[in-house]
Amino acid sequence: MSSYELRPDAPANAVDTISQAIVVPVLEKMLADGALIEYEIDELAVHSQSPGTFSILYISPTADGIDKVEGAIRDAIKSQPLLLPAFGSMTKASGHRDQLVLSEGTFK
């Protein structure tokens, strides 16, 4: 899971823009390829963190799936060099956090 904080001057629809133009195309491809079994882009309903915080979460059935997603992200940035600056123009670098969680649960 990765958490990000929007810049104060980010447009009101920044999370939707980031989701649809940058994140969803990569994660949908990984879902279709079987590298993922789920993904979510979530905004806080209760602000326990800074307002404007959102998270990108994905679940992979294997560690190899995580590597495939990371590779797909790198490939997307290489093929569309404006993605990273667009993302960075709406998010604070200091507000970024990553978590890697191992679950032994059953996903249905």
PDB file of N, CA and C in Angstrom:
ATOM      1  N   MET A   1       0.847  -1.162   0.000  1.00  0.00           N
ATOM      2  CA  MET A   1       0.000   0.000   0.000  1.00  0.00           C
ATOM      3  C   MET A   1       0.894   1.228   0.000  1.00  0.00           C
ATOM      4  N   SER A   2       0.510   2.196  -0.769  1.00  0.00           N
ATOM      5  CA  SER A   2       1.205   3.474  -0.800  1.00  0.00           C
ATOM      6  C   SER A   2       0.213   4.562  -0.443  1.00  0.00           C
ATOM      7  N   SER A   3       0.621   5.452   0.443  1.00  0.00           N
ATOM      8  CA  SER A   3      -0.210   6.592   0.810  1.00  0.00           C
ATOM      9  C   SER A   3       0.459   7.862   0.320  1.00  0.00           C
ATOM     10  N   TYR A   4      -0.365   8.777  -0.142  1.00  0.00           N
ATOM     11  CA  TYR A   4       0.109  10.042  -0.681  1.00  0.00           C
ATOM     12  C   TYR A   4      -0.725  11.175  -0.113  1.00  0.00           C
ATOM     13  N   GLU A   5      -0.135  12.352  -0.072  1.00  0.00           N
ATOM     14  CA  GLU A   5      -0.857  13.544   0.353  1.00  0.00           C
ATOM     15  C   GLU A   5      -0.882  14.521  -0.812  1.00  0.00           C
ATOM     16  N   LEU A   6      -2.069  15.045  -1.093  1.00  0.00           N
ATOM     17  CA  LEU A   6      -2.204  16.017  -2.168  1.00  0.00           C
ATOM     18  C   LEU A   6      -1.595  17.356  -1.762  1.00  0.00           C
ATOM     19  N   ARG A   7      -1.101  18.070  -2.741  1.00  0.00           N
ATOM     20  CA  ARG A   7      -0.632  19.436  -2.507  1.00  0.00           C
ATOM     21  C   ARG A   7      -1.848  20.325  -2.237  1.00  0.00           C
ATOM     22  N   PRO A   8      -1.674  21.377  -1.459  1.00  0.00           N
ATOM     23  CA  PRO A   8      -2.808  22.268  -1.183  1.00  0.00           C
ATOM     24  C   PRO A   8      -3.410  22.892  -2.442  1.00  0.00           C
ATOM     25  N   ASP A   9      -2.588  23.083  -3.472  1.00  0.00           N
ATOM     26  CA  ASP A   9      -3.083  23.706  -4.703  1.00  0.00           C
ATOM     27  C   ASP A   9      -3.533  22.686  -5.759  1.00  0.00           C
ATOM     28  N   ALA A  10      -3.613  21.421  -5.365  1.00  0.00           N
ATOM     29  CA  ALA A  10      -4.065  20.378  -6.310  1.00  0.00           C
ATOM     30  C   ALA A  10      -5.538  20.630  -6.651  1.00  0.00           C
ATOM     31  N   PRO A  11      -5.936  20.332  -7.882  1.00  0.00           N
ATOM     32  CA  PRO A  11      -7.341  20.520  -8.247  1.00  0.00           C
ATOM     33  C   PRO A  11      -8.262  19.630  -7.406  1.00  0.00           C
ATOM     34  N   ALA A  12      -9.510  20.034  -7.310  1.00  0.00           N
ATOM     35  CA  ALA A  12     -10.489  19.303  -6.503  1.00  0.00           C
ATOM     36  C   ALA A  12     -10.647  17.856  -6.967  1.00  0.00           C
ATOM     37  N   ASN A  13     -10.437  17.610  -8.245  1.00  0.00           N
ATOM     38  CA  ASN A  13     -10.590  16.254  -8.793  1.00  0.00           C
ATOM     39  C   ASN A  13      -9.243  15.537  -8.955  1.00  0.00           C
ATOM     40  N   ALA A  14      -8.249  15.921  -8.169  1.00  0.00           N
ATOM     41  CA  ALA A  14      -6.897  15.380  -8.339  1.00  0.00           C
ATOM     42  C   ALA A  14      -6.842  13.865  -8.178  1.00  0.00           C
ATOM     43  N   VAL A  15      -7.517  13.312  -7.184  1.00  0.00           N
ATOM     44  CA  VAL A  15      -7.458  11.857  -6.974  1.00  0.00           C
ATOM     45  C   VAL A  15      -8.101  11.144  -8.165  1.00  0.00           C
ATOM     46  N   ASP A  16      -9.221  11.658  -8.670  1.00  0.00           N
ATOM     47  CA  ASP A  16      -9.844  11.061  -9.858  1.00  0.00           C
ATOM     48  C   ASP A  16      -8.925  11.154 -11.065  1.00  0.00           C
ATOM     49  N   THR A  17      -8.274  12.286 -11.242  1.00  0.00           N
ATOM     50  CA  THR A  17      -7.355  12.473 -12.370  1.00  0.00           C
ATOM     51  C   THR A  17      -6.178  11.510 -12.269  1.00  0.00           C
ATOM     52  N   ILE A  18      -5.569  11.447 -11.093  1.00  0.00           N
ATOM     53  CA  ILE A  18      -4.442  10.534 -10.879  1.00  0.00           C
ATOM     54  C   ILE A  18      -4.886   9.096 -11.117  1.00  0.00           C
ATOM     55  N   SER A  19      -6.044   8.749 -10.580  1.00  0.00           N
ATOM     56  CA  SER A  19      -6.543   7.378 -10.713  1.00  0.00           C
ATOM     57  C   SER A  19      -6.753   7.002 -12.170  1.00  0.00           C
ATOM     58  N   GLN A  20      -7.557   7.763 -12.868  1.00  0.00           N
ATOM     59  CA  GLN A  20      -7.962   7.395 -14.225  1.00  0.00           C
ATOM     60  C   GLN A  20      -6.852   7.545 -15.262  1.00  0.00           C
ATOM     61  N   ALA A  21      -6.013   8.557 -15.112  1.00  0.00           N
ATOM     62  CA  ALA A  21      -4.998   8.809 -16.126  1.00  0.00           C
ATOM     63  C   ALA A  21      -3.682   8.081 -15.870  1.00  0.00           C
ATOM     64  N   ILE A  22      -3.399   7.775 -14.616  1.00  0.00           N
ATOM     65  CA  ILE A  22      -2.075   7.257 -14.286  1.00  0.00           C
ATOM     66  C   ILE A  22      -2.129   5.849 -13.701  1.00  0.00           C
ATOM     67  N   VAL A  23      -2.902   5.643 -12.654  1.00  0.00           N
ATOM     68  CA  VAL A  23      -2.838   4.411 -11.871  1.00  0.00           C
ATOM     69  C   VAL A  23      -3.686   3.273 -12.453  1.00  0.00           C
ATOM     70  N   VAL A  24      -4.950   3.561 -12.745  1.00  0.00           N
ATOM     71  CA  VAL A  24      -5.881   2.509 -13.178  1.00  0.00           C
ATOM     72  C   VAL A  24      -5.412   1.772 -14.436  1.00  0.00           C
ATOM     73  N   PRO A  25      -4.910   2.447 -15.465  1.00  0.00           N
ATOM     74  CA  PRO A  25      -4.479   1.682 -16.644  1.00  0.00           C
ATOM     75  C   PRO A  25      -3.421   0.615 -16.335  1.00  0.00           C
ATOM     76  N   VAL A  26      -2.465   0.947 -15.488  1.00  0.00           N
ATOM     77  CA  VAL A  26      -1.421  -0.021 -15.137  1.00  0.00           C
ATOM     78  C   VAL A  26      -2.006  -1.162 -14.300  1.00  0.00           C
ATOM     79  N   LEU A  27      -2.800  -0.819 -13.284  1.00  0.00           N
ATOM     80  CA  LEU A  27      -3.333  -1.851 -12.399  1.00  0.00           C
ATOM     81  C   LEU A  27      -4.370  -2.728 -13.091  1.00  0.00           C
ATOM     82  N   GLU A  28      -5.146  -2.181 -14.004  1.00  0.00           N
ATOM     83  CA  GLU A  28      -6.102  -2.996 -14.770  1.00  0.00           C
ATOM     84  C   GLU A  28      -5.369  -4.016 -15.629  1.00  0.00           C
ATOM     85  N   LYS A  29      -4.258  -3.598 -16.231  1.00  0.00           N
ATOM     86  CA  LYS A  29      -3.464  -4.529 -17.041  1.00  0.00           C
ATOM     87  C   LYS A  29      -2.910  -5.648 -16.160  1.00  0.00           C
ATOM     88  N   MET A  30      -2.434  -5.296 -14.990  1.00  0.00           N
ATOM     89  CA  MET A  30      -1.889  -6.303 -14.071  1.00  0.00           C
ATOM     90  C   MET A  30      -2.990  -7.231 -13.548  1.00  0.00           C
ATOM     91  N   LEU A  31      -4.172  -6.709 -13.357  1.00  0.00           N
ATOM     92  CA  LEU A  31      -5.309  -7.532 -12.939  1.00  0.00           C
ATOM     93  C   LEU A  31      -5.657  -8.526 -14.049  1.00  0.00           C
ATOM     94  N   ALA A  32      -5.702  -8.058 -15.288  1.00  0.00           N
ATOM     95  CA  ALA A  32      -6.004  -8.922 -16.434  1.00  0.00           C
ATOM     96  C   ALA A  32      -4.924  -9.987 -16.630  1.00  0.00           C
ATOM     97  N   ASP A  33      -3.662  -9.630 -16.331  1.00  0.00           N
ATOM     98  CA  ASP A  33      -2.548 -10.572 -16.483  1.00  0.00           C
ATOM     99  C   ASP A  33      -2.461 -11.582 -15.335  1.00  0.00           C
ATOM    100  N   GLY A  34      -3.250 -11.379 -14.270  1.00  0.00           N
ATOM    101  CA  GLY A  34      -3.222 -12.288 -13.129  1.00  0.00           C
ATOM    102  C   GLY A  34      -2.173 -11.956 -12.082  1.00  0.00           C
ATOM    103  N   ALA A  35      -1.434 -10.855 -12.284  1.00  0.00           N
ATOM    104  CA  ALA A  35      -0.432 -10.460 -11.296  1.00  0.00           C
ATOM    105  C   ALA A  35      -1.089  -9.909 -10.031  1.00  0.00           C
ATOM    106  N   LEU A  36      -2.332  -9.426 -10.170  1.00  0.00           N
ATOM    107  CA  LEU A  36      -3.105  -8.901  -9.043  1.00  0.00           C
ATOM    108  C   LEU A  36      -4.433  -9.623  -8.943  1.00  0.00           C
ATOM    109  N   ILE A  37      -4.971  -9.644  -7.721  1.00  0.00           N
ATOM    110  CA  ILE A  37      -6.329 -10.159  -7.545  1.00  0.00           C
ATOM    111  C   ILE A  37      -7.278  -9.051  -7.094  1.00  0.00           C
ATOM    112  N   GLU A  38      -6.727  -7.907  -6.706  1.00  0.00           N
ATOM    113  CA  GLU A  38      -7.548  -6.753  -6.339  1.00  0.00           C
ATOM    114  C   GLU A  38      -6.673  -5.522  -6.272  1.00  0.00           C
ATOM    115  N   TYR A  39      -7.296  -4.370  -6.508  1.00  0.00           N
ATOM    116  CA  TYR A  39      -6.648  -3.095  -6.210  1.00  0.00           C
ATOM    117  C   TYR A  39      -7.716  -2.101  -5.789  1.00  0.00           C
ATOM    118  N   GLU A  40      -7.303  -1.093  -5.053  1.00  0.00           N
ATOM    119  CA  GLU A  40      -8.196  -0.032  -4.597  1.00  0.00           C
ATOM    120  C   GLU A  40      -7.437   1.286  -4.597  1.00  0.00           C
ATOM    121  N   ILE A  41      -8.178   2.343  -4.811  1.00  0.00           N
ATOM    122  CA  ILE A  41      -7.664   3.695  -4.619  1.00  0.00           C
ATOM    123  C   ILE A  41      -8.644   4.338  -3.649  1.00  0.00           C
ATOM    124  N   ASP A  42      -8.187   4.607  -2.440  1.00  0.00           N
ATOM    125  CA  ASP A  42      -9.071   5.027  -1.357  1.00  0.00           C
ATOM    126  C   ASP A  42      -8.718   6.419  -0.845  1.00  0.00           C
ATOM    127  N   GLU A  43      -9.760   7.168  -0.519  1.00  0.00           N
ATOM    128  CA  GLU A  43      -9.613   8.445   0.172  1.00  0.00           C
ATOM    129  C   GLU A  43     -10.139   8.277   1.585  1.00  0.00           C
ATOM    130  N   LEU A  44      -9.606   9.051   2.514  1.00  0.00           N
ATOM    131  CA  LEU A  44     -10.029   8.945   3.903  1.00  0.00           C
ATOM    132  C   LEU A  44     -11.451   9.463   4.073  1.00  0.00           C
ATOM    133  N   ALA A  45     -12.272   8.677   4.765  1.00  0.00           N
ATOM    134  CA  ALA A  45     -13.618   9.123   5.127  1.00  0.00           C
ATOM    135  C   ALA A  45     -13.563   9.871   6.453  1.00  0.00           C
ATOM    136  N   VAL A  46     -12.673   9.422   7.338  1.00  0.00           N
ATOM    137  CA  VAL A  46     -12.422  10.093   8.605  1.00  0.00           C
ATOM    138  C   VAL A  46     -10.964  10.520   8.564  1.00  0.00           C
ATOM    139  N   HIS A  47     -10.715  11.779   8.802  1.00  0.00           N
ATOM    140  CA  HIS A  47      -9.360  12.315   8.635  1.00  0.00           C
ATOM    141  C   HIS A  47      -8.502  12.094   9.872  1.00  0.00           C
ATOM    142  N   SER A  48      -7.953  10.883   9.984  1.00  0.00           N
ATOM    143  CA  SER A  48      -6.984  10.588  11.036  1.00  0.00           C
ATOM    144  C   SER A  48      -5.588  11.029  10.598  1.00  0.00           C
ATOM    145  N   GLN A  49      -5.451  11.314   9.307  1.00  0.00           N
ATOM    146  CA  GLN A  49      -4.222  11.873   8.740  1.00  0.00           C
ATOM    147  C   GLN A  49      -4.605  13.196   8.090  1.00  0.00           C
ATOM    148  N   SER A  50      -3.668  13.811   7.405  1.00  0.00           N
ATOM    149  CA  SER A  50      -3.947  15.086   6.753  1.00  0.00           C
ATOM    150  C   SER A  50      -5.065  14.953   5.737  1.00  0.00           C
ATOM    151  N   PRO A  51      -5.976  15.925   5.681  1.00  0.00           N
ATOM    152  CA  PRO A  51      -6.965  15.908   4.597  1.00  0.00           C
ATOM    153  C   PRO A  51      -6.217  15.905   3.260  1.00  0.00           C
ATOM    154  N   GLY A  52      -6.787  15.250   2.284  1.00  0.00           N
ATOM    155  CA  GLY A  52      -6.107  15.148   0.999  1.00  0.00           C
ATOM    156  C   GLY A  52      -5.221  13.926   0.903  1.00  0.00           C
ATOM    157  N   THR A  53      -5.257  13.060   1.902  1.00  0.00           N
ATOM    158  CA  THR A  53      -4.481  11.828   1.860  1.00  0.00           C
ATOM    159  C   THR A  53      -5.275  10.755   1.124  1.00  0.00           C
ATOM    160  N   PHE A  54      -4.610  10.028   0.241  1.00  0.00           N
ATOM    161  CA  PHE A  54      -5.247   8.900  -0.439  1.00  0.00           C
ATOM    162  C   PHE A  54      -4.258   7.749  -0.509  1.00  0.00           C
ATOM    163  N   SER A  55      -4.799   6.556  -0.696  1.00  0.00           N
ATOM    164  CA  SER A  55      -3.963   5.358  -0.719  1.00  0.00           C
ATOM    165  C   SER A  55      -4.217   4.539  -1.973  1.00  0.00           C
ATOM    166  N   ILE A  56      -3.171   3.921  -2.454  1.00  0.00           N
ATOM    167  CA  ILE A  56      -3.252   2.972  -3.558  1.00  0.00           C
ATOM    168  C   ILE A  56      -2.831   1.623  -2.970  1.00  0.00           C
ATOM    169  N   LEU A  57      -3.744   0.676  -3.030  1.00  0.00           N
ATOM    170  CA  LEU A  57      -3.530  -0.633  -2.435  1.00  0.00           C
ATOM    171  C   LEU A  57      -3.750  -1.685  -3.508  1.00  0.00           C
ATOM    172  N   TYR A  58      -2.868  -2.671  -3.550  1.00  0.00           N
ATOM    173  CA  TYR A  58      -3.122  -3.809  -4.429  1.00  0.00           C
ATOM    174  C   TYR A  58      -2.723  -5.097  -3.731  1.00  0.00           C
ATOM    175  N   ILE A  59      -3.419  -6.171  -4.107  1.00  0.00           N
ATOM    176  CA  ILE A  59      -3.163  -7.487  -3.531  1.00  0.00           C
ATOM    177  C   ILE A  59      -2.693  -8.411  -4.646  1.00  0.00           C
ATOM    178  N   SER A  60      -1.555  -9.028  -4.403  1.00  0.00           N
ATOM    179  CA  SER A  60      -0.979  -9.965  -5.357  1.00  0.00           C
ATOM    180  C   SER A  60      -0.957 -11.354  -4.725  1.00  0.00           C
ATOM    181  N   PRO A  61      -1.267 -12.384  -5.501  1.00  0.00           N
ATOM    182  CA  PRO A  61      -1.236 -13.736  -4.934  1.00  0.00           C
ATOM    183  C   PRO A  61       0.186 -14.241  -4.681  1.00  0.00           C
ATOM    184  N   THR A  62       1.178 -13.590  -5.286  1.00  0.00           N
ATOM    185  CA  THR A  62       2.564 -14.030  -5.138  1.00  0.00           C
ATOM    186  C   THR A  62       3.498 -12.826  -5.047  1.00  0.00           C
ATOM    187  N   ALA A  63       4.682 -13.054  -4.527  1.00  0.00           N
ATOM    188  CA  ALA A  63       5.695 -12.000  -4.487  1.00  0.00           C
ATOM    189  C   ALA A  63       6.096 -11.592  -5.904  1.00  0.00           C
ATOM    190  N   ASP A  64       6.062 -12.537  -6.830  1.00  0.00           N
ATOM    191  CA  ASP A  64       6.379 -12.248  -8.225  1.00  0.00           C
ATOM    192  C   ASP A  64       5.419 -11.215  -8.805  1.00  0.00           C
ATOM    193  N   GLY A  65       4.162 -11.246  -8.365  1.00  0.00           N
ATOM    194  CA  GLY A  65       3.181 -10.270  -8.828  1.00  0.00           C
ATOM    195  C   GLY A  65       3.556  -8.854  -8.449  1.00  0.00           C
ATOM    196  N   ILE A  66       4.137  -8.691  -7.263  1.00  0.00           N
ATOM    197  CA  ILE A  66       4.585  -7.369  -6.822  1.00  0.00           C
ATOM    198  C   ILE A  66       5.683  -6.865  -7.758  1.00  0.00           C
ATOM    199  N   ASP A  67       6.612  -7.746  -8.105  1.00  0.00           N
ATOM    200  CA  ASP A  67       7.683  -7.372  -9.036  1.00  0.00           C
ATOM    201  C   ASP A  67       7.114  -6.998 -10.403  1.00  0.00           C
ATOM    202  N   LYS A  68       6.096  -7.721 -10.856  1.00  0.00           N
ATOM    203  CA  LYS A  68       5.474  -7.421 -12.150  1.00  0.00           C
ATOM    204  C   LYS A  68       4.805  -6.050 -12.136  1.00  0.00           C
ATOM    205  N   VAL A  69       4.143  -5.725 -11.035  1.00  0.00           N
ATOM    206  CA  VAL A  69       3.502  -4.411 -10.932  1.00  0.00           C
ATOM    207  C   VAL A  69       4.560  -3.314 -10.949  1.00  0.00           C
ATOM    208  N   GLU A  70       5.613  -3.478 -10.180  1.00  0.00           N
ATOM    209  CA  GLU A  70       6.682  -2.483 -10.156  1.00  0.00           C
ATOM    210  C   GLU A  70       7.297  -2.309 -11.547  1.00  0.00           C
ATOM    211  N   GLY A  71       7.483  -3.408 -12.267  1.00  0.00           N
ATOM    212  CA  GLY A  71       8.000  -3.334 -13.638  1.00  0.00           C
ATOM    213  C   GLY A  71       7.037  -2.624 -14.568  1.00  0.00           C
ATOM    214  N   ALA A  72       5.749  -2.885 -14.415  1.00  0.00           N
ATOM    215  CA  ALA A  72       4.739  -2.233 -15.255  1.00  0.00           C
ATOM    216  C   ALA A  72       4.699  -0.731 -14.990  1.00  0.00           C
ATOM    217  N   ILE A  73       4.888  -0.351 -13.738  1.00  0.00           N
ATOM    218  CA  ILE A  73       4.935   1.083 -13.401  1.00  0.00           C
ATOM    219  C   ILE A  73       6.152   1.729 -14.053  1.00  0.00           C
ATOM    220  N   ARG A  74       7.304   1.085 -13.950  1.00  0.00           N
ATOM    221  CA  ARG A  74       8.519   1.619 -14.597  1.00  0.00           C
ATOM    222  C   ARG A  74       8.334   1.731 -16.104  1.00  0.00           C
ATOM    223  N   ASP A  75       7.731   0.702 -16.716  1.00  0.00           N
ATOM    224  CA  ASP A  75       7.496   0.731 -18.165  1.00  0.00           C
ATOM    225  C   ASP A  75       6.554   1.870 -18.556  1.00  0.00           C
ATOM    226  N   ALA A  76       5.502   2.088 -17.755  1.00  0.00           N
ATOM    227  CA  ALA A  76       4.557   3.169 -18.046  1.00  0.00           C
ATOM    228  C   ALA A  76       5.251   4.528 -17.981  1.00  0.00           C
ATOM    229  N   ILE A  77       6.125   4.698 -16.991  1.00  0.00           N
ATOM    230  CA  ILE A  77       6.851   5.971 -16.854  1.00  0.00           C
ATOM    231  C   ILE A  77       7.815   6.166 -18.022  1.00  0.00           C
ATOM    232  N   LYS A  78       8.470   5.089 -18.467  1.00  0.00           N
ATOM    233  CA  LYS A  78       9.376   5.185 -19.620  1.00  0.00           C
ATOM    234  C   LYS A  78       8.623   5.533 -20.895  1.00  0.00           C
ATOM    235  N   SER A  79       7.468   4.906 -21.091  1.00  0.00           N
ATOM    236  CA  SER A  79       6.738   5.119 -22.340  1.00  0.00           C
ATOM    237  C   SER A  79       5.942   6.420 -22.349  1.00  0.00           C
ATOM    238  N   GLN A  80       5.638   6.953 -21.175  1.00  0.00           N
ATOM    239  CA  GLN A  80       4.898   8.216 -21.073  1.00  0.00           C
ATOM    240  C   GLN A  80       5.610   9.109 -20.055  1.00  0.00           C
ATOM    241  N   PRO A  81       6.656   9.793 -20.464  1.00  0.00           N
ATOM    242  CA  PRO A  81       7.509  10.520 -19.526  1.00  0.00           C
ATOM    243  C   PRO A  81       6.815  11.638 -18.750  1.00  0.00           C
ATOM    244  N   LEU A  82       5.635  12.051 -19.142  1.00  0.00           N
ATOM    245  CA  LEU A  82       4.941  13.108 -18.410  1.00  0.00           C
ATOM    246  C   LEU A  82       4.126  12.580 -17.225  1.00  0.00           C
ATOM    247  N   LEU A  83       3.991  11.253 -17.094  1.00  0.00           N
ATOM    248  CA  LEU A  83       3.211  10.693 -15.985  1.00  0.00           C
ATOM    249  C   LEU A  83       3.783  11.087 -14.626  1.00  0.00           C
ATOM    250  N   LEU A  84       5.066  10.903 -14.444  1.00  0.00           N
ATOM    251  CA  LEU A  84       5.677  11.183 -13.152  1.00  0.00           C
ATOM    252  C   LEU A  84       5.611  12.663 -12.788  1.00  0.00           C
ATOM    253  N   PRO A  85       5.935  13.582 -13.702  1.00  0.00           N
ATOM    254  CA  PRO A  85       5.774  15.000 -13.361  1.00  0.00           C
ATOM    255  C   PRO A  85       4.316  15.385 -13.081  1.00  0.00           C
ATOM    256  N   ALA A  86       3.372  14.775 -13.803  1.00  0.00           N
ATOM    257  CA  ALA A  86       1.952  15.066 -13.553  1.00  0.00           C
ATOM    258  C   ALA A  86       1.564  14.600 -12.159  1.00  0.00           C
ATOM    259  N   PHE A  87       1.981  13.397 -11.788  1.00  0.00           N
ATOM    260  CA  PHE A  87       1.704  12.871 -10.459  1.00  0.00           C
ATOM    261  C   PHE A  87       2.340  13.764  -9.394  1.00  0.00           C
ATOM    262  N   GLY A  88       3.592  14.119  -9.610  1.00  0.00           N
ATOM    263  CA  GLY A  88       4.319  14.959  -8.662  1.00  0.00           C
ATOM    264  C   GLY A  88       3.767  16.357  -8.535  1.00  0.00           C
ATOM    265  N   SER A  89       3.114  16.851  -9.585  1.00  0.00           N
ATOM    266  CA  SER A  89       2.551  18.202  -9.515  1.00  0.00           C
ATOM    267  C   SER A  89       1.323  18.264  -8.615  1.00  0.00           C
ATOM    268  N   MET A  90       0.729  17.107  -8.309  1.00  0.00           N
ATOM    269  CA  MET A  90      -0.476  17.084  -7.478  1.00  0.00           C
ATOM    270  C   MET A  90      -0.246  16.495  -6.092  1.00  0.00           C
ATOM    271  N   THR A  91       0.914  15.875  -5.855  1.00  0.00           N
ATOM    272  CA  THR A  91       1.183  15.234  -4.563  1.00  0.00           C
ATOM    273  C   THR A  91       2.442  15.803  -3.917  1.00  0.00           C
ATOM    274  N   LYS A  92       2.486  15.698  -2.597  1.00  0.00           N
ATOM    275  CA  LYS A  92       3.666  16.125  -1.836  1.00  0.00           C
ATOM    276  C   LYS A  92       4.608  14.938  -1.694  1.00  0.00           C
ATOM    277  N   ALA A  93       5.865  15.117  -2.041  1.00  0.00           N
ATOM    278  CA  ALA A  93       6.846  14.035  -1.875  1.00  0.00           C
ATOM    279  C   ALA A  93       6.994  13.668  -0.401  1.00  0.00           C
ATOM    280  N   SER A  94       6.913  14.645   0.485  1.00  0.00           N
ATOM    281  CA  SER A  94       7.074  14.385   1.919  1.00  0.00           C
ATOM    282  C   SER A  94       5.873  13.653   2.512  1.00  0.00           C
ATOM    283  N   GLY A  95       4.747  13.605   1.799  1.00  0.00           N
ATOM    284  CA  GLY A  95       3.562  12.936   2.297  1.00  0.00           C
ATOM    285  C   GLY A  95       3.421  11.496   1.844  1.00  0.00           C
ATOM    286  N   HIS A  96       4.462  10.941   1.232  1.00  0.00           N
ATOM    287  CA  HIS A  96       4.406   9.593   0.674  1.00  0.00           C
ATOM    288  C   HIS A  96       4.888   8.561   1.694  1.00  0.00           C
ATOM    289  N   ARG A  97       4.102   7.481   1.843  1.00  0.00           N
ATOM    290  CA  ARG A  97       4.465   6.365   2.717  1.00  0.00           C
ATOM    291  C   ARG A  97       4.141   5.059   2.006  1.00  0.00           C
ATOM    292  N   ASP A  98       4.992   4.049   2.179  1.00  0.00           N
ATOM    293  CA  ASP A  98       4.753   2.722   1.614  1.00  0.00           C
ATOM    294  C   ASP A  98       4.681   1.704   2.733  1.00  0.00           C
ATOM    295  N   GLN A  99       3.864   0.665   2.505  1.00  0.00           N
ATOM    296  CA  GLN A  99       3.788  -0.466   3.423  1.00  0.00           C
ATOM    297  C   GLN A  99       3.737  -1.738   2.588  1.00  0.00           C
ATOM    298  N   LEU A 100       4.418  -2.758   3.043  1.00  0.00           N
ATOM    299  CA  LEU A 100       4.340  -4.086   2.438  1.00  0.00           C
ATOM    300  C   LEU A 100       3.827  -5.016   3.517  1.00  0.00           C
ATOM    301  N   VAL A 101       2.676  -5.633   3.260  1.00  0.00           N
ATOM    302  CA  VAL A 101       2.017  -6.448   4.268  1.00  0.00           C
ATOM    303  C   VAL A 101       1.867  -7.860   3.740  1.00  0.00           C
ATOM    304  N   LEU A 102       2.193  -8.843   4.554  1.00  0.00           N
ATOM    305  CA  LEU A 102       1.986 -10.251   4.213  1.00  0.00           C
ATOM    306  C   LEU A 102       0.771 -10.727   4.957  1.00  0.00           C
ATOM    307  N   SER A 103      -0.154 -11.300   4.233  1.00  0.00           N
ATOM    308  CA  SER A 103      -1.379 -11.836   4.844  1.00  0.00           C
ATOM    309  C   SER A 103      -1.471 -13.327   4.572  1.00  0.00           C
ATOM    310  N   GLU A 104      -1.848 -14.058   5.575  1.00  0.00           N
ATOM    311  CA  GLU A 104      -2.054 -15.496   5.423  1.00  0.00           C
ATOM    312  C   GLU A 104      -3.550 -15.813   5.259  1.00  0.00           C
ATOM    313  N   GLY A 105      -4.358 -14.770   5.117  1.00  0.00           N
ATOM    314  CA  GLY A 105      -5.802 -14.947   5.001  1.00  0.00           C
ATOM    315  C   GLY A 105      -6.207 -15.454   3.638  1.00  0.00           C
ATOM    316  N   THR A 106      -7.447 -15.860   3.533  1.00  0.00           N
ATOM    317  CA  THR A 106      -8.012 -16.331   2.273  1.00  0.00           C
ATOM    318  C   THR A 106      -8.818 -15.208   1.656  1.00  0.00           C
ATOM    319  N   PHE A 107      -8.543 -14.907   0.423  1.00  0.00           N
ATOM    320  CA  PHE A 107      -9.270 -13.861  -0.291  1.00  0.00           C
ATOM    321  C   PHE A 107     -10.345 -14.501  -1.132  1.00  0.00           C
ATOM    322  N   LYS A 108     -11.593 -14.113  -0.913  1.00  0.00           N
ATOM    323  CA  LYS A 108     -12.707 -14.670  -1.695  1.00  0.00           C
ATOM    324  C   LYS A 108     -13.481 -13.569  -2.343  1.00  0.00           C
TER     325      LYS A 108
END
